[in-house]
Protein backbone atom coordinates (compact mmCIF):
# COMPACT_ATOMS: atom_id res chain seq x y z
CA MET A 1 -71.50 -5.23 53.17
CA SER A 2 -72.69 -3.20 50.20
CA LYS A 3 -72.29 0.55 49.74
CA THR A 4 -74.54 2.64 47.48
CA GLU A 5 -74.42 6.34 46.61
CA ILE A 6 -77.71 8.19 47.17
CA SER A 7 -78.53 11.24 45.08
CA THR A 8 -81.69 13.24 44.47
CA SER A 9 -82.45 16.42 42.57
CA ASN A 10 -84.84 17.33 45.41
CA ALA A 11 -81.84 18.35 47.51
CA PRO A 12 -78.84 20.51 46.58
CA ALA A 13 -76.14 18.84 44.52
CA ALA A 14 -72.83 18.22 46.26
CA LEU A 15 -70.55 21.27 46.20
CA GLY A 16 -67.44 19.14 45.87
CA PRO A 17 -66.13 15.58 45.52
CA TYR A 18 -68.57 13.89 47.88
CA SER A 19 -72.00 12.21 47.81
CA GLN A 20 -75.25 13.54 49.24
CA ALA A 21 -75.41 10.27 51.16
CA ILE A 22 -74.01 6.76 51.31
CA LYS A 23 -76.27 3.81 52.10
CA THR A 24 -74.98 0.56 53.54
CA ASP A 25 -77.02 -2.54 54.32
CA SER A 26 -78.68 -0.96 57.35
CA MET A 27 -77.24 2.56 57.78
CA LEU A 28 -77.46 5.83 55.90
CA PHE A 29 -74.79 8.53 56.24
CA LEU A 30 -75.77 11.98 54.97
CA SER A 31 -73.15 14.58 54.18
CA GLY A 32 -73.57 17.90 55.93
CA GLN A 33 -76.51 19.81 54.46
CA ILE A 34 -76.71 23.56 54.14
CA ALA A 35 -79.77 25.66 53.37
CA ILE A 36 -79.69 25.80 49.58
CA ASP A 37 -83.15 25.64 48.03
CA PRO A 38 -82.62 23.05 45.25
CA ALA A 39 -85.31 24.58 43.01
CA LYS A 40 -84.11 28.18 43.21
CA GLY A 41 -80.46 27.84 44.22
CA SER A 42 -81.04 30.49 46.88
CA ILE A 43 -80.24 30.51 50.59
CA PRO A 44 -82.87 31.82 53.01
CA ARG A 45 -81.97 34.48 55.58
CA GLY A 46 -81.80 33.73 59.28
CA VAL A 47 -80.96 30.61 61.21
CA THR A 48 -84.60 29.50 61.63
CA ALA A 49 -85.34 29.60 57.90
CA GLN A 50 -81.99 27.98 57.13
CA THR A 51 -82.61 25.15 59.61
CA MET A 52 -86.05 24.52 58.11
CA GLN A 53 -84.61 24.41 54.56
CA ILE A 54 -81.88 22.05 55.72
CA PHE A 55 -84.50 19.65 57.08
CA ASP A 56 -86.41 19.83 53.78
CA ASN A 57 -83.16 18.81 52.07
CA ILE A 58 -82.45 16.07 54.61
CA GLU A 59 -85.98 14.66 54.25
CA ALA A 60 -85.60 14.53 50.45
CA ILE A 61 -82.36 12.55 50.73
CA LEU A 62 -83.77 10.23 53.40
CA GLU A 63 -86.84 9.60 51.24
CA GLU A 64 -84.68 8.82 48.19
CA ALA A 65 -82.88 6.22 50.30
CA GLY A 66 -86.10 4.68 51.63
CA SER A 67 -85.78 6.18 55.10
CA SER A 68 -87.29 9.07 57.08
CA LEU A 69 -86.65 11.45 59.98
CA ASP A 70 -88.14 8.78 62.27
CA ASN A 71 -85.07 6.65 61.52
CA VAL A 72 -82.44 9.28 62.33
CA VAL A 73 -80.20 8.10 65.18
CA LYS A 74 -77.53 10.86 65.29
CA THR A 75 -77.14 14.43 64.10
CA THR A 76 -74.26 16.86 64.20
CA VAL A 77 -75.12 20.56 64.05
CA PHE A 78 -72.51 23.13 63.07
CA LEU A 79 -73.41 26.71 64.01
CA LYS A 80 -71.57 29.83 62.94
CA SER A 81 -72.56 31.35 66.30
CA MET A 82 -73.89 29.79 69.50
CA GLU A 83 -75.97 32.96 69.79
CA ASP A 84 -78.25 31.23 67.23
CA PHE A 85 -78.63 28.05 69.30
CA ALA A 86 -82.14 28.77 70.64
CA SER A 87 -83.54 29.65 67.20
CA MET A 88 -81.91 26.62 65.56
CA ASN A 89 -83.09 24.40 68.42
CA ALA A 90 -86.73 25.50 68.06
CA ALA A 91 -86.73 24.72 64.31
CA TYR A 92 -84.86 21.44 64.97
CA GLU A 93 -87.48 20.40 67.53
CA LYS A 94 -90.30 21.03 65.00
CA ALA A 95 -88.52 18.87 62.42
CA PHE A 96 -88.52 15.91 64.79
CA SER A 97 -91.99 16.43 66.28
CA GLY A 98 -93.82 13.15 66.52
CA SER A 99 -90.67 11.04 66.73
CA GLU A 100 -87.96 10.32 69.25
CA PHE A 101 -85.16 12.85 69.23
CA PRO A 102 -81.87 11.46 67.91
CA ALA A 103 -78.56 11.79 69.70
CA ARG A 104 -76.97 15.12 68.81
CA SER A 105 -73.77 17.11 68.96
CA CYS A 106 -73.73 20.86 68.35
CA VAL A 107 -70.55 22.87 67.83
CA GLU A 108 -69.70 26.44 66.91
CA VAL A 109 -67.45 26.84 63.89
CA SER A 110 -65.71 29.88 62.44
CA ARG A 111 -67.10 29.53 58.92
CA LEU A 112 -69.37 27.32 56.83
CA PRO A 113 -69.75 26.81 53.05
CA LYS A 114 -71.50 29.71 51.27
CA ASP A 115 -71.27 31.62 54.59
CA VAL A 116 -74.44 29.97 55.87
CA LEU A 117 -75.32 30.09 59.56
CA VAL A 118 -75.92 26.37 60.12
CA GLU A 119 -75.04 22.96 58.65
CA ILE A 120 -76.44 19.61 59.78
CA GLU A 121 -75.25 16.08 59.09
CA VAL A 122 -77.29 12.95 59.81
CA ILE A 123 -76.87 9.23 60.41
CA ALA A 124 -80.03 7.16 60.00
CA LEU A 125 -81.23 3.58 59.86
CA VAL A 126 -82.55 2.22 56.59
């Protein structure tokens, strides 16, 4: 089995010693993405805007690896507060419109990098 690092400038650079994604023969594992706009370096306000930016970042990484949101099989959502679940969920649903929804876990955490409100990691087929 081969393993290849995936990196694109169309998504935020890794904030530490990890890869944006790792591609194997048939699977793609994305590191958790937060809502950094790669062009501006800024973070939008609010969980809806952050979730939408995260999916822009995820799509850029998937595209670089030759995949797409249609191939996502599992997501894990980390929320700073479950009070934001409905807003995140509405933006999440829009991101996957037109495709089958992947399996998902969603957990509340005490803190996320850069004090964002949401982080999402993805496993996809290639």
